[in-house]
Amino acid sequence: QVQLVESGGGLVQAGGSLRLACAVSGSTVSITGINWFRQAPGKEREFVAAINSRGSVTSYTNAVKGRFTISRDNAKNMVYLQMNSLKPEDTAVYYCNAEATYSRTYWGQGTQVTVSS
């Protein structure tokens, strides 16, 4: 089992920054990758960013490229999402997701990000 706990959400003005954190615990050796997803009101959950187990490979949805940065500190079992130049359309609940061996997947409870115009 893997447990994920997100933090760092909040209310910020457009153009501002936030850093989300995902604390990972449990069977961390089984994790093959960590993703961030988000879900805005009335919309489906969508992929935001991903990082592999070593932190050597990252990917982003086009909407956040150049503004968001995903990183991880394996010594602390933490994954971060640095969000800069935030826009109102970034408003959503942000979820940490872990992919593990045997096609297992785990989700955190989410953290709310609200960007005011």
Protein backbone atom coordinates (compact mmCIF):
# COMPACT_ATOMS: atom_id res chain seq x y z
CA GLN A 1 0.00 0.00 0.00
CA VAL A 2 1.02 3.57 -0.70
CA GLN A 3 -0.32 6.65 1.05
CA LEU A 4 -0.26 10.10 -0.49
CA VAL A 5 -0.96 13.36 1.31
CA GLU A 6 -1.07 16.64 -0.59
CA SER A 7 -0.51 20.08 0.89
CA GLY A 8 0.25 23.60 -0.19
CA GLY A 9 -2.96 24.62 -1.89
CA GLY A 10 -4.64 27.94 -1.27
CA LEU A 11 -5.90 31.18 -2.72
CA VAL A 12 -3.57 33.23 -4.89
CA GLN A 13 -3.94 36.12 -7.32
CA ALA A 14 -3.37 35.63 -11.01
CA GLY A 15 0.33 35.79 -11.78
CA GLY A 16 1.25 34.43 -8.38
CA SER A 17 2.92 31.19 -7.35
CA LEU A 18 2.22 28.18 -5.19
CA ARG A 19 4.18 25.06 -4.40
CA LEU A 20 2.23 21.88 -3.85
CA ALA A 21 3.77 19.01 -1.93
CA CYS A 22 2.91 15.33 -1.92
CA ALA A 23 4.15 13.24 0.99
CA VAL A 24 4.59 9.61 -0.01
CA SER A 25 4.63 6.78 2.50
CA GLY A 26 4.14 3.04 2.65
CA SER A 27 5.50 0.70 0.00
CA THR A 28 7.48 3.39 -1.80
CA VAL A 29 9.86 0.90 -3.45
CA SER A 30 6.95 -0.30 -5.60
CA ILE A 31 6.34 3.13 -7.10
CA THR A 32 7.29 3.56 -10.74
CA GLY A 33 6.12 7.13 -11.21
CA ILE A 34 4.28 10.02 -9.59
CA ASN A 35 1.77 12.26 -11.35
CA TRP A 36 -0.19 15.37 -10.58
CA PHE A 37 -3.75 15.61 -11.84
CA ARG A 38 -6.34 18.32 -11.38
CA GLN A 39 -10.09 18.57 -11.51
CA ALA A 40 -11.94 21.82 -12.01
CA PRO A 41 -15.63 22.19 -11.09
CA GLY A 42 -17.82 20.50 -13.67
CA LYS A 43 -14.86 19.07 -15.55
CA GLU A 44 -13.14 15.72 -15.73
CA ARG A 45 -9.90 15.06 -13.91
CA GLU A 46 -6.96 15.85 -16.16
CA PHE A 47 -3.27 15.07 -16.21
CA VAL A 48 -0.93 17.91 -15.25
CA ALA A 49 2.61 16.58 -14.79
CA ALA A 50 4.58 13.41 -14.24
CA ILE A 51 7.97 12.37 -12.93
CA ASN A 52 9.62 8.97 -12.97
CA SER A 53 10.95 7.13 -9.95
CA ARG A 54 14.46 8.54 -10.28
CA GLY A 55 13.32 12.04 -11.05
CA SER A 56 15.19 11.98 -14.35
CA VAL A 57 12.20 12.18 -16.68
CA THR A 58 9.33 14.65 -16.51
CA SER A 59 6.37 15.48 -18.68
CA TYR A 60 3.69 18.15 -18.67
CA THR A 61 0.39 18.92 -20.25
CA ASN A 62 0.72 21.72 -22.79
CA ALA A 63 -1.39 24.09 -20.69
CA VAL A 64 1.24 24.26 -17.93
CA LYS A 65 4.51 23.87 -19.84
CA GLY A 66 6.94 26.62 -18.95
CA ARG A 67 4.95 27.58 -15.84
CA PHE A 68 4.86 24.44 -13.68
CA THR A 69 7.79 22.30 -12.55
CA ILE A 70 7.52 18.84 -11.01
CA SER A 71 10.35 17.56 -8.84
CA ARG A 72 10.98 14.95 -6.20
CA ASP A 73 13.19 14.42 -3.16
CA ASN A 74 13.48 10.67 -2.73
CA ALA A 75 15.41 11.03 0.51
CA LYS A 76 12.36 12.75 2.00
CA ASN A 77 9.75 10.80 0.00
CA MET A 78 8.33 14.07 -1.27
CA VAL A 79 7.11 15.19 -4.69
CA TYR A 80 6.56 18.85 -5.47
CA LEU A 81 4.70 20.87 -8.05
CA GLN A 82 6.00 24.42 -8.35
CA MET A 83 3.34 26.52 -10.04
CA ASN A 84 4.29 29.95 -11.36
CA SER A 85 2.40 32.54 -13.40
CA LEU A 86 -0.88 31.08 -12.20
CA LYS A 87 -4.02 31.77 -14.18
CA PRO A 88 -7.68 31.63 -13.14
CA GLU A 89 -8.07 28.56 -15.35
CA ASP A 90 -5.59 26.73 -13.11
CA THR A 91 -8.23 26.75 -10.38
CA ALA A 92 -8.94 23.14 -9.44
CA VAL A 93 -8.44 20.45 -6.87
CA TYR A 94 -4.97 19.06 -7.42
CA TYR A 95 -4.35 15.37 -6.79
CA CYS A 96 -1.16 13.40 -6.33
CA ASN A 97 -1.18 10.01 -8.02
CA ALA A 98 1.28 7.15 -7.71
CA GLU A 99 1.75 4.38 -10.23
CA ALA A 100 3.16 1.19 -8.82
CA THR A 101 4.09 -2.30 -9.88
CA TYR A 102 1.36 -4.76 -10.97
CA SER A 103 -0.65 -1.83 -12.41
CA ARG A 104 -1.60 -0.53 -9.00
CA THR A 105 -2.46 3.12 -8.65
CA TYR A 106 -3.00 5.30 -5.62
CA TRP A 107 -4.54 8.74 -5.06
CA GLY A 108 -4.27 11.41 -2.42
CA GLN A 109 -7.21 13.34 -1.06
CA GLY A 110 -6.48 16.46 -3.08
CA THR A 111 -5.67 20.07 -2.30
CA GLN A 112 -7.65 23.08 -3.51
CA VAL A 113 -5.96 25.73 -5.61
CA THR A 114 -7.94 28.88 -6.34
CA VAL A 115 -6.56 31.61 -8.59
CA SER A 116 -8.40 34.91 -8.52
CA SER A 117 -8.41 37.29 -11.45
